[in-house]
Protein backbone atom coordinates (compact mmCIF):
# COMPACT_ATOMS: atom_id res chain seq x y z
CA LEU A 1 -21.32 31.75 -45.83
CA ARG A 2 -17.76 33.12 -45.35
CA GLY A 3 -17.56 33.93 -49.16
CA SER A 4 -15.84 30.46 -50.31
CA GLY A 5 -13.94 30.08 -53.32
CA LEU A 6 -13.70 27.16 -55.48
CA ARG A 7 -11.81 25.09 -52.84
CA GLY A 8 -14.60 25.67 -50.08
CA LEU A 9 -17.30 24.95 -52.92
CA ALA A 10 -15.30 21.72 -53.60
CA GLY A 11 -15.89 20.25 -50.06
CA MET A 12 -13.75 17.98 -48.34
CA PRO A 13 -11.78 16.04 -50.58
CA ALA A 14 -12.12 12.17 -50.64
CA ARG A 15 -8.39 11.54 -50.65
CA ARG A 16 -5.86 13.93 -49.00
CA PRO A 17 -2.08 13.18 -48.49
CA LEU A 18 -0.97 13.05 -44.91
CA GLY A 19 2.75 12.44 -45.62
CA PRO A 20 4.85 10.00 -47.64
CA GLY A 21 3.17 7.00 -48.26
CA ARG A 22 0.43 8.06 -46.14
CA GLU A 23 -3.29 9.22 -47.51
CA LEU A 24 -6.59 10.02 -45.57
CA ARG A 25 -9.68 8.43 -47.59
CA ARG A 26 -13.25 9.62 -47.13
CA PRO A 27 -14.82 6.76 -49.73
CA LEU A 28 -18.31 7.78 -48.30
CA LEU A 29 -18.82 11.41 -48.77
CA GLU A 30 -21.20 11.18 -51.67
CA LEU A 31 -23.65 9.12 -49.66
CA ARG A 32 -26.29 10.40 -47.35
CA ARG A 33 -26.31 9.67 -43.66
CA ASP A 34 -29.67 7.72 -44.02
CA GLU A 35 -28.23 5.44 -47.04
CA ILE A 36 -25.03 4.38 -44.97
CA ARG A 37 -27.19 3.83 -41.83
CA SER A 38 -29.65 1.52 -43.78
CA TRP A 39 -26.86 -0.44 -45.25
CA LEU A 40 -25.41 -0.79 -41.71
CA ARG A 41 -28.67 -2.06 -40.33
CA ALA A 42 -29.12 -4.60 -43.33
CA GLU A 43 -25.88 -5.86 -42.62
CA GLY A 44 -26.33 -6.06 -38.73
CA ILE A 45 -23.10 -3.65 -38.18
CA GLY A 46 -23.05 -1.13 -35.41
CA TRP A 47 -21.64 2.29 -35.63
CA GLN A 48 -20.55 5.37 -33.53
CA GLU A 49 -22.36 8.53 -33.43
CA ASP A 50 -20.44 11.77 -32.95
CA PRO A 51 -22.61 13.30 -30.65
CA THR A 52 -21.23 17.09 -31.43
CA ASN A 53 -22.88 16.42 -35.04
CA ASP A 54 -26.12 16.81 -33.28
CA ASP A 55 -25.15 19.59 -31.40
CA LEU A 56 -26.60 22.78 -32.85
CA ARG A 57 -24.11 25.08 -31.16
CA ALA A 58 -21.14 23.13 -31.76
CA ALA A 59 -20.65 24.30 -35.51
CA ALA A 60 -22.40 26.32 -38.20
CA ARG A 61 -22.46 22.97 -40.43
CA ASN A 62 -24.77 21.32 -37.90
CA ARG A 63 -27.32 23.96 -38.00
CA LEU A 64 -27.26 24.30 -41.79
CA ARG A 65 -27.76 20.47 -41.87
CA ALA A 66 -30.68 20.61 -39.18
CA GLU A 67 -32.51 23.90 -40.26
CA ALA A 68 -31.54 25.39 -43.61
CA LEU A 69 -31.40 22.50 -45.80
CA PRO A 70 -34.75 21.01 -44.84
CA ALA A 71 -36.21 24.48 -45.23
CA LEU A 72 -34.51 24.68 -48.72
CA THR A 73 -36.27 21.52 -49.67
CA GLY A 74 -39.78 23.17 -49.36
CA VAL A 75 -38.58 26.18 -51.45
CA GLY A 76 -37.91 24.88 -54.66
CA ALA A 77 -38.18 21.80 -57.16
CA GLY A 78 -35.28 19.29 -56.49
CA ASP A 79 -32.99 17.97 -53.53
CA PRO A 80 -30.88 21.10 -52.33
CA VAL A 81 -28.41 18.39 -51.12
CA ALA A 82 -28.10 16.88 -54.75
CA GLY A 83 -27.58 20.36 -56.14
CA LEU A 84 -24.77 21.38 -53.67
CA LEU A 85 -23.16 17.80 -54.17
CA ARG A 86 -23.29 18.66 -58.21
CA LEU A 87 -21.73 22.27 -57.39
CA ALA A 88 -19.22 20.69 -55.48
CA ALA A 89 -18.29 18.34 -58.32
CA GLU A 90 -18.00 21.05 -60.64
CA ALA A 91 -15.83 23.04 -58.46
CA ARG A 92 -13.68 19.93 -57.85
CA ALA A 93 -13.81 19.73 -61.78
CA TRP A 94 -12.51 23.39 -61.96
CA ILE A 95 -9.46 22.73 -59.46
CA GLU A 96 -8.63 19.71 -61.15
CA ALA A 97 -8.43 21.31 -64.72
CA ALA A 98 -6.55 24.36 -63.35
CA PRO A 99 -3.18 23.22 -64.00
CA ALA A 100 -3.94 22.43 -67.47
CA VAL A 101 -5.75 25.73 -68.26
CA ARG A 102 -2.80 27.37 -66.54
CA GLU A 103 -0.47 25.72 -68.66
CA ARG A 104 -2.36 26.77 -71.80
CA VAL A 105 -3.26 30.47 -70.82
CA GLY A 106 0.42 31.32 -69.76
CA ASP A 107 0.08 34.38 -68.33
CA TRP A 108 -1.33 34.51 -64.77
CA ARG A 109 -3.13 38.07 -65.51
CA GLU A 110 -5.03 36.18 -68.35
CA LEU A 111 -6.50 33.64 -66.25
CA PRO A 112 -10.45 33.67 -64.84
CA SER A 113 -10.10 35.44 -61.21
CA ALA A 114 -11.06 32.18 -59.76
CA LEU A 115 -8.15 30.33 -60.75
CA ARG A 116 -5.98 33.50 -60.15
CA ARG A 117 -7.28 33.16 -56.55
CA LEU A 118 -6.49 29.52 -56.37
CA GLU A 119 -2.80 30.13 -57.38
CA ILE A 120 -2.61 33.07 -54.96
CA ALA A 121 -4.22 30.74 -52.24
CA GLU A 122 -1.55 28.22 -53.02
CA ARG A 123 1.38 30.61 -52.74
CA LEU A 124 0.12 31.59 -49.18
CA ARG A 125 0.06 28.23 -48.11
CA GLU A 126 3.34 27.83 -49.23
CA ALA A 127 4.15 30.80 -47.18
CA GLY A 128 2.39 29.29 -44.03
CA GLU A 129 -0.55 31.74 -44.23
CA THR A 130 -4.32 30.82 -44.40
CA PRO A 131 -5.97 32.25 -46.98
CA SER A 132 -9.19 34.17 -46.49
CA PRO A 133 -11.44 35.59 -49.13
CA ARG A 134 -11.02 39.00 -48.17
CA ARG A 135 -6.99 38.70 -48.11
CA LEU A 136 -7.40 36.86 -51.77
CA ASP A 137 -9.42 39.77 -52.93
CA ASP A 138 -6.61 42.20 -51.72
CA LEU A 139 -3.72 40.44 -53.30
CA GLU A 140 -5.49 39.64 -56.54
CA ARG A 141 -5.99 43.55 -56.90
CA ALA A 142 -2.55 44.54 -56.10
CA LEU A 143 -1.16 41.97 -58.33
CA LEU A 144 -3.12 43.02 -61.14
CA GLN A 145 -2.36 46.61 -60.65
CA ARG A 146 1.19 46.86 -59.45
CA GLY A 147 2.43 43.38 -60.34
CA ALA A 148 3.61 42.74 -56.99
CA ALA A 149 2.01 42.64 -53.44
CA GLY A 150 3.46 42.29 -49.82
CA LEU A 151 2.33 39.30 -47.41
CA ARG A 152 4.32 40.40 -44.77
CA PRO A 153 7.76 42.20 -43.72
CA GLY A 154 10.60 40.44 -46.09
CA LEU A 155 8.23 38.49 -48.28
CA GLY A 156 5.60 39.10 -51.03
CA LEU A 157 4.09 37.89 -54.23
CA ARG A 158 5.18 39.33 -57.75
CA LEU A 159 4.36 38.39 -61.37
CA ALA A 160 7.60 37.27 -63.19
CA GLY A 161 6.86 36.74 -66.83
CA GLY A 162 3.42 35.69 -66.54
CA ASP A 163 4.14 33.60 -63.39
CA LEU A 164 3.07 34.17 -59.58
CA VAL A 165 5.94 33.68 -57.50
CA LEU A 166 6.88 33.93 -53.87
CA ALA A 167 9.57 36.61 -53.43
CA GLU A 168 11.86 38.16 -50.90
CA ARG A 169 11.02 41.96 -50.47
CA ARG A 170 13.57 44.49 -49.10
């Protein structure tokens, strides 16, 4: 709803590094809540509920789960959750393919916009910034027009031989 890019569409990663030798794993992301609960009941295993998951004021995602997704079920054919899971898988596939596409294309300017924006977002994170859709739009436009864009005093992005680099600015 905030104008997500590929990373947002991909959803939470099933695996994420937490530091040297440490990894966060979420092996049940692809399963529906009811499937997990049914299995736990059948096995006689108890579980803890996070009460904030049912609080519609706690997070927008709770209202989406409780109100929007059930409403979408009646609008079209098929399961909207299954459709969103397929879309997330496709976004993850593009993210995973991005380095190979980048290597083949060579020049950052020749990449599809979604992959250019992924790379801009990576550089922003390297610089300690949080990318937003609007910021990515502005930076992509400046880079395509001028080959450079300012991030903050003393730091910017520039194109060097077709590569996008963080660079000190004067």
